Amino acid sequence: MRIENDKNVNKEKILMSSHRILLIGCSGSGKSTLTRELAKKLDLPVLHLDRIWHATNYDDDAKQFLRQTQLDFIAKNDYFIIDGNYTGTMDCRVPHANLIIWLQIPRRLAMYRIIMRSIKCKFGIEQRIDMADEFRESFNREYFEFLKFVWNFEKNSTPRIKAVLEHKAEDCRLVVIKNKKDQDVLLKQLVGKIADESTIY
């Protein structure tokens, strides 16, 4: 786990006091799974952006609706968790966060997770509580375009994300999660337990 370098702060206190949380990263990186764990441990209200976006018809009005829904949620909650990347509306929520968790995993693993998730949902083995009830996934051209988007995420989307993160608040910390060990360390620190600082740099 990597936290932005700042030698003048207590890294454990940063995490323990962070309760305006954003989770970002490509599809299949584990954002929603980690969100559920955080919400359970911290008892914070959650906004799953997939539930909002995939209940729309994806037009320009839908984009504005997604943005406004985030702003309304932030205005109504002093503390929160927002789950979802959506780089196009990231600018409206980043300034309000004091902890941004960026999940970065190998793209092959992300692709595998997405495909397995799709198969399980298709056959009723798994249900996504983070997804809009109206959403029905099909193995069609749009699906394969989505996989292409995920495959090229680091090249096409990461530079845009970094540009938006330049505008985060001064008291906001960016934590990069690359594996399960990183997640376990983060969860321990967020609930006030002392973790092994050798994994934080």
C-alpha atoms as a PDB file:
ATOM      1  CA  MET A   1       0.000   0.000   0.000  1.00  0.00           C
ATOM      2  CA  ARG A   2       1.361   3.410  -0.908  1.00  0.00           C
ATOM      3  CA  ILE A   3       0.310   6.681   0.694  1.00  0.00           C
ATOM      4  CA  GLU A   4       1.465   9.961  -0.780  1.00  0.00           C
ATOM      5  CA  ASN A   5       4.803  10.821   0.730  1.00  0.00           C
ATOM      6  CA  ASP A   6       4.561  13.362   3.539  1.00  0.00           C
ATOM      7  CA  LYS A   7       7.178  13.137   6.282  1.00  0.00           C
ATOM      8  CA  ASN A   8       5.354  15.663   8.478  1.00  0.00           C
ATOM      9  CA  VAL A   9       2.222  13.623   9.136  1.00  0.00           C
ATOM     10  CA  ASN A  10       1.273  10.563  11.174  1.00  0.00           C
ATOM     11  CA  LYS A  11       0.155   8.044   8.574  1.00  0.00           C
ATOM     12  CA  GLU A  12      -2.060   6.085  10.961  1.00  0.00           C
ATOM     13  CA  LYS A  13      -3.896   9.228  12.093  1.00  0.00           C
ATOM     14  CA  ILE A  14      -4.465  10.169   8.451  1.00  0.00           C
ATOM     15  CA  LEU A  15      -6.348   6.956   7.826  1.00  0.00           C
ATOM     16  CA  MET A  16      -8.182   6.871  11.160  1.00  0.00           C
ATOM     17  CA  SER A  17      -9.593  10.371  10.558  1.00  0.00           C
ATOM     18  CA  SER A  18     -10.552   9.773   6.915  1.00  0.00           C
ATOM     19  CA  HIS A  19     -14.282   9.370   6.498  1.00  0.00           C
ATOM     20  CA  ARG A  20     -14.992  11.100   3.188  1.00  0.00           C
ATOM     21  CA  ILE A  21     -13.797   8.297   1.000  1.00  0.00           C
ATOM     22  CA  LEU A  22     -13.637   7.769  -2.753  1.00  0.00           C
ATOM     23  CA  LEU A  23     -12.780   4.458  -4.396  1.00  0.00           C
ATOM     24  CA  ILE A  24     -11.484   4.679  -7.943  1.00  0.00           C
ATOM     25  CA  GLY A  25      -9.856   2.375 -10.467  1.00  0.00           C
ATOM     26  CA  CYS A  26     -10.785   0.337 -13.512  1.00  0.00           C
ATOM     27  CA  SER A  27     -13.665  -2.119 -13.602  1.00  0.00           C
ATOM     28  CA  GLY A  28     -12.743  -5.442 -12.049  1.00  0.00           C
ATOM     29  CA  SER A  29     -10.229  -3.906  -9.647  1.00  0.00           C
ATOM     30  CA  GLY A  30     -12.342  -4.702  -6.577  1.00  0.00           C
ATOM     31  CA  LYS A  31     -13.800  -1.282  -5.754  1.00  0.00           C
ATOM     32  CA  SER A  32     -17.287  -2.484  -4.847  1.00  0.00           C
ATOM     33  CA  THR A  33     -16.026  -5.417  -2.780  1.00  0.00           C
ATOM     34  CA  LEU A  34     -13.745  -3.147  -0.768  1.00  0.00           C
ATOM     35  CA  THR A  35     -16.540  -0.578  -0.485  1.00  0.00           C
ATOM     36  CA  ARG A  36     -18.800  -3.147   1.177  1.00  0.00           C
ATOM     37  CA  GLU A  37     -16.089  -4.020   3.691  1.00  0.00           C
ATOM     38  CA  LEU A  38     -15.402  -0.368   4.474  1.00  0.00           C
ATOM     39  CA  ALA A  39     -19.090   0.462   4.852  1.00  0.00           C
ATOM     40  CA  LYS A  40     -19.588  -2.439   7.241  1.00  0.00           C
ATOM     41  CA  LYS A  41     -16.609  -1.554   9.415  1.00  0.00           C
ATOM     42  CA  LEU A  42     -17.071   2.236   9.374  1.00  0.00           C
ATOM     43  CA  ASP A  43     -20.883   2.403   9.197  1.00  0.00           C
ATOM     44  CA  LEU A  44     -20.850   5.063   6.492  1.00  0.00           C
ATOM     45  CA  PRO A  45     -23.470   5.836   3.819  1.00  0.00           C
ATOM     46  CA  VAL A  46     -22.494   4.546   0.376  1.00  0.00           C
ATOM     47  CA  LEU A  47     -23.169   5.761  -3.142  1.00  0.00           C
ATOM     48  CA  HIS A  48     -22.525   3.187  -5.891  1.00  0.00           C
ATOM     49  CA  LEU A  49     -22.166   5.149  -9.116  1.00  0.00           C
ATOM     50  CA  ASP A  50     -22.936   2.105 -11.258  1.00  0.00           C
ATOM     51  CA  ARG A  51     -26.400   1.961  -9.694  1.00  0.00           C
ATOM     52  CA  ILE A  52     -27.023   5.526 -10.846  1.00  0.00           C
ATOM     53  CA  TRP A  53     -25.467   5.475 -14.297  1.00  0.00           C
ATOM     54  CA  HIS A  54     -26.840   2.139 -15.471  1.00  0.00           C
ATOM     55  CA  ALA A  55     -30.382   3.146 -14.545  1.00  0.00           C
ATOM     56  CA  THR A  56     -30.225   5.894 -17.207  1.00  0.00           C
ATOM     57  CA  ASN A  57     -30.274   5.946 -21.004  1.00  0.00           C
ATOM     58  CA  TYR A  58     -26.645   7.196 -21.102  1.00  0.00           C
ATOM     59  CA  ASP A  59     -27.398  10.499 -22.879  1.00  0.00           C
ATOM     60  CA  ASP A  60     -26.167  14.009 -22.003  1.00  0.00           C
ATOM     61  CA  ASP A  61     -28.984  14.486 -19.493  1.00  0.00           C
ATOM     62  CA  ALA A  62     -27.903  11.248 -17.822  1.00  0.00           C
ATOM     63  CA  LYS A  63     -24.362  12.572 -17.464  1.00  0.00           C
ATOM     64  CA  GLN A  64     -25.670  15.679 -15.732  1.00  0.00           C
ATOM     65  CA  PHE A  65     -27.919  13.537 -13.556  1.00  0.00           C
ATOM     66  CA  LEU A  66     -24.939  11.430 -12.480  1.00  0.00           C
ATOM     67  CA  ARG A  67     -22.994  14.553 -11.582  1.00  0.00           C
ATOM     68  CA  GLN A  68     -25.881  16.150  -9.673  1.00  0.00           C
ATOM     69  CA  THR A  69     -26.621  12.941  -7.777  1.00  0.00           C
ATOM     70  CA  GLN A  70     -23.065  12.929  -6.468  1.00  0.00           C
ATOM     71  CA  LEU A  71     -23.230  16.574  -5.426  1.00  0.00           C
ATOM     72  CA  ASP A  72     -26.554  16.029  -3.651  1.00  0.00           C
ATOM     73  CA  PHE A  73     -25.199  12.966  -1.834  1.00  0.00           C
ATOM     74  CA  ILE A  74     -22.121  14.857  -0.674  1.00  0.00           C
ATOM     75  CA  ALA A  75     -24.237  17.815   0.477  1.00  0.00           C
ATOM     76  CA  LYS A  76     -26.492  15.552   2.556  1.00  0.00           C
ATOM     77  CA  ASN A  77     -23.714  13.543   4.229  1.00  0.00           C
ATOM     78  CA  ASP A  78     -20.815  14.851   6.288  1.00  0.00           C
ATOM     79  CA  TYR A  79     -19.125  11.467   5.935  1.00  0.00           C
ATOM     80  CA  PHE A  80     -19.492   9.026   3.063  1.00  0.00           C
ATOM     81  CA  ILE A  81     -18.083   6.439   0.691  1.00  0.00           C
ATOM     82  CA  ILE A  82     -18.481   6.857  -3.077  1.00  0.00           C
ATOM     83  CA  ASP A  83     -17.737   3.788  -5.174  1.00  0.00           C
ATOM     84  CA  GLY A  84     -16.964   4.259  -8.861  1.00  0.00           C
ATOM     85  CA  ASN A  85     -14.418   5.672 -11.259  1.00  0.00           C
ATOM     86  CA  TYR A  86     -16.351   7.695 -13.878  1.00  0.00           C
ATOM     87  CA  THR A  87     -13.491   9.981 -14.776  1.00  0.00           C
ATOM     88  CA  GLY A  88     -15.831  12.407 -16.537  1.00  0.00           C
ATOM     89  CA  THR A  89     -17.506  13.389 -13.258  1.00  0.00           C
ATOM     90  CA  MET A  90     -14.585  12.758 -10.906  1.00  0.00           C
ATOM     91  CA  ASP A  91     -13.885  16.476 -10.665  1.00  0.00           C
ATOM     92  CA  CYS A  92     -17.124  17.089  -8.765  1.00  0.00           C
ATOM     93  CA  ARG A  93     -16.294  14.699  -5.919  1.00  0.00           C
ATOM     94  CA  VAL A  94     -12.496  14.764  -5.584  1.00  0.00           C
ATOM     95  CA  PRO A  95     -12.361  18.201  -3.837  1.00  0.00           C
ATOM     96  CA  HIS A  96     -14.712  16.912  -1.100  1.00  0.00           C
ATOM     97  CA  ALA A  97     -12.743  13.775  -0.188  1.00  0.00           C
ATOM     98  CA  ASN A  98     -10.133  13.348   2.499  1.00  0.00           C
ATOM     99  CA  LEU A  99      -9.167   9.825   1.416  1.00  0.00           C
ATOM    100  CA  ILE A 100      -8.977   8.530  -2.146  1.00  0.00           C
ATOM    101  CA  ILE A 101      -8.336   4.820  -2.569  1.00  0.00           C
ATOM    102  CA  TRP A 102      -7.028   3.964  -6.026  1.00  0.00           C
ATOM    103  CA  LEU A 103      -7.120   0.259  -6.797  1.00  0.00           C
ATOM    104  CA  GLN A 104      -4.490  -0.676  -9.352  1.00  0.00           C
ATOM    105  CA  ILE A 105      -4.306  -4.327 -10.375  1.00  0.00           C
ATOM    106  CA  PRO A 106      -2.897  -6.081 -13.455  1.00  0.00           C
ATOM    107  CA  ARG A 107      -5.247  -5.731 -16.391  1.00  0.00           C
ATOM    108  CA  ARG A 108      -5.299  -9.482 -17.029  1.00  0.00           C
ATOM    109  CA  LEU A 109      -6.657 -10.008 -13.521  1.00  0.00           C
ATOM    110  CA  ALA A 110      -9.244  -7.264 -14.026  1.00  0.00           C
ATOM    111  CA  MET A 111     -10.370  -8.856 -17.295  1.00  0.00           C
ATOM    112  CA  TYR A 112     -10.635 -12.279 -15.676  1.00  0.00           C
ATOM    113  CA  ARG A 113     -12.713 -10.913 -12.801  1.00  0.00           C
ATOM    114  CA  ILE A 114     -15.056  -9.058 -15.154  1.00  0.00           C
ATOM    115  CA  ILE A 115     -15.669 -12.079 -17.371  1.00  0.00           C
ATOM    116  CA  MET A 116     -16.235 -14.414 -14.422  1.00  0.00           C
ATOM    117  CA  ARG A 117     -18.560 -11.878 -12.811  1.00  0.00           C
ATOM    118  CA  SER A 118     -20.530 -11.576 -16.031  1.00  0.00           C
ATOM    119  CA  ILE A 119     -20.910 -15.339 -16.341  1.00  0.00           C
ATOM    120  CA  LYS A 120     -22.028 -15.707 -12.719  1.00  0.00           C
ATOM    121  CA  CYS A 121     -24.571 -12.894 -13.057  1.00  0.00           C
ATOM    122  CA  LYS A 122     -25.822 -14.286 -16.368  1.00  0.00           C
ATOM    123  CA  PHE A 123     -26.636 -17.650 -14.789  1.00  0.00           C
ATOM    124  CA  GLY A 124     -27.937 -16.252 -11.504  1.00  0.00           C
ATOM    125  CA  ILE A 125     -24.998 -17.468  -9.456  1.00  0.00           C
ATOM    126  CA  GLU A 126     -24.138 -13.953  -8.296  1.00  0.00           C
ATOM    127  CA  GLN A 127     -26.103 -10.736  -7.837  1.00  0.00           C
ATOM    128  CA  ARG A 128     -24.470  -7.331  -7.934  1.00  0.00           C
ATOM    129  CA  ILE A 129     -25.893  -5.041  -5.255  1.00  0.00           C
ATOM    130  CA  ASP A 130     -23.725  -2.239  -6.621  1.00  0.00           C
ATOM    131  CA  MET A 131     -25.425  -2.389 -10.034  1.00  0.00           C
ATOM    132  CA  ALA A 132     -28.740  -0.877 -11.153  1.00  0.00           C
ATOM    133  CA  ASP A 133     -31.629  -3.359 -10.986  1.00  0.00           C
ATOM    134  CA  GLU A 134     -32.578  -2.488 -14.569  1.00  0.00           C
ATOM    135  CA  PHE A 135     -29.169  -3.372 -15.974  1.00  0.00           C
ATOM    136  CA  ARG A 136     -28.931  -6.508 -18.101  1.00  0.00           C
ATOM    137  CA  GLU A 137     -25.552  -7.489 -19.450  1.00  0.00           C
ATOM    138  CA  SER A 138     -25.246  -9.206 -22.840  1.00  0.00           C
ATOM    139  CA  PHE A 139     -22.235 -10.718 -24.534  1.00  0.00           C
ATOM    140  CA  ASN A 140     -22.573  -8.445 -27.532  1.00  0.00           C
ATOM    141  CA  ARG A 141     -20.489  -5.857 -29.350  1.00  0.00           C
ATOM    142  CA  GLU A 142     -20.933  -3.318 -26.555  1.00  0.00           C
ATOM    143  CA  TYR A 143     -19.634  -5.853 -24.042  1.00  0.00           C
ATOM    144  CA  PHE A 144     -16.469  -6.465 -26.052  1.00  0.00           C
ATOM    145  CA  GLU A 145     -16.001  -2.711 -26.476  1.00  0.00           C
ATOM    146  CA  PHE A 146     -16.182  -2.477 -22.700  1.00  0.00           C
ATOM    147  CA  LEU A 147     -13.484  -5.159 -22.346  1.00  0.00           C
ATOM    148  CA  LYS A 148     -11.353  -3.188 -24.787  1.00  0.00           C
ATOM    149  CA  PHE A 149     -11.852  -0.097 -22.621  1.00  0.00           C
ATOM    150  CA  VAL A 150     -10.658  -2.017 -19.558  1.00  0.00           C
ATOM    151  CA  TRP A 151      -7.652  -3.430 -21.415  1.00  0.00           C
ATOM    152  CA  ASN A 152      -6.579   0.091 -22.425  1.00  0.00           C
ATOM    153  CA  PHE A 153      -7.539   1.718 -19.132  1.00  0.00           C
ATOM    154  CA  GLU A 154      -3.998   2.448 -17.948  1.00  0.00           C
ATOM    155  CA  LYS A 155      -3.000   4.031 -21.238  1.00  0.00           C
ATOM    156  CA  ASN A 156      -6.165   6.049 -21.882  1.00  0.00           C
ATOM    157  CA  SER A 157      -7.719   6.782 -18.489  1.00  0.00           C
ATOM    158  CA  THR A 158      -4.870   6.907 -15.965  1.00  0.00           C
ATOM    159  CA  PRO A 159      -3.435  10.220 -17.284  1.00  0.00           C
ATOM    160  CA  ARG A 160      -6.892  11.810 -17.024  1.00  0.00           C
ATOM    161  CA  ILE A 161      -7.324  10.536 -13.470  1.00  0.00           C
ATOM    162  CA  LYS A 162      -3.948  11.913 -12.422  1.00  0.00           C
ATOM    163  CA  ALA A 163      -4.900  15.299 -13.852  1.00  0.00           C
ATOM    164  CA  VAL A 164      -8.127  15.393 -11.831  1.00  0.00           C
ATOM    165  CA  LEU A 165      -6.337  14.307  -8.650  1.00  0.00           C
ATOM    166  CA  GLU A 166      -4.148  17.395  -8.887  1.00  0.00           C
ATOM    167  CA  HIS A 167      -7.193  19.282  -7.574  1.00  0.00           C
ATOM    168  CA  LYS A 168      -7.809  17.244  -4.428  1.00  0.00           C
ATOM    169  CA  ALA A 169      -7.974  19.026  -1.078  1.00  0.00           C
ATOM    170  CA  GLU A 170      -4.783  19.648   0.904  1.00  0.00           C
ATOM    171  CA  ASP A 171      -5.922  17.340   3.703  1.00  0.00           C
ATOM    172  CA  CYS A 172      -6.772  14.536   1.278  1.00  0.00           C
ATOM    173  CA  ARG A 173      -4.500  11.528   1.000  1.00  0.00           C
ATOM    174  CA  LEU A 174      -4.208   9.175  -1.950  1.00  0.00           C
ATOM    175  CA  VAL A 175      -3.730   5.503  -1.110  1.00  0.00           C
ATOM    176  CA  VAL A 176      -2.767   3.078  -3.871  1.00  0.00           C
ATOM    177  CA  ILE A 177      -3.896  -0.518  -3.394  1.00  0.00           C
ATOM    178  CA  LYS A 178      -2.265  -3.223  -5.504  1.00  0.00           C
ATOM    179  CA  ASN A 179      -3.151  -6.495  -3.761  1.00  0.00           C
ATOM    180  CA  LYS A 180      -5.065  -8.204  -0.940  1.00  0.00           C
ATOM    181  CA  LYS A 181      -2.318  -7.531   1.596  1.00  0.00           C
ATOM    182  CA  ASP A 182      -2.612  -3.808   0.899  1.00  0.00           C
ATOM    183  CA  GLN A 183      -6.372  -3.993   1.449  1.00  0.00           C
ATOM    184  CA  ASP A 184      -5.952  -5.787   4.771  1.00  0.00           C
ATOM    185  CA  VAL A 185      -3.489  -3.150   6.007  1.00  0.00           C
ATOM    186  CA  LEU A 186      -5.825  -0.364   4.968  1.00  0.00           C
ATOM    187  CA  LEU A 187      -8.854  -1.914   6.677  1.00  0.00           C
ATOM    188  CA  LYS A 188      -6.939  -2.385   9.928  1.00  0.00           C
ATOM    189  CA  GLN A 189      -5.774   1.203   9.955  1.00  0.00           C
ATOM    190  CA  LEU A 190      -9.157   2.656   9.078  1.00  0.00           C
ATOM    191  CA  VAL A 191     -10.738   1.000  12.099  1.00  0.00           C
ATOM    192  CA  GLY A 192      -8.014   2.358  14.374  1.00  0.00           C
ATOM    193  CA  LYS A 193      -5.687  -0.606  14.654  1.00  0.00           C
ATOM    194  CA  ILE A 194      -1.934  -0.336  14.312  1.00  0.00           C
ATOM    195  CA  ALA A 195      -0.654  -2.079  11.206  1.00  0.00           C
ATOM    196  CA  ASP A 196       2.768  -2.881   9.866  1.00  0.00           C
ATOM    197  CA  GLU A 197       4.143   0.417   8.576  1.00  0.00           C
ATOM    198  CA  SER A 198       6.711  -1.382   6.467  1.00  0.00           C
ATOM    199  CA  THR A 199       4.078  -1.585   3.723  1.00  0.00           C
ATOM    200  CA  ILE A 200       3.413   2.178   3.744  1.00  0.00           C
ATOM    201  CA  TYR A 201       5.774   4.511   1.956  1.00  0.00           C
END
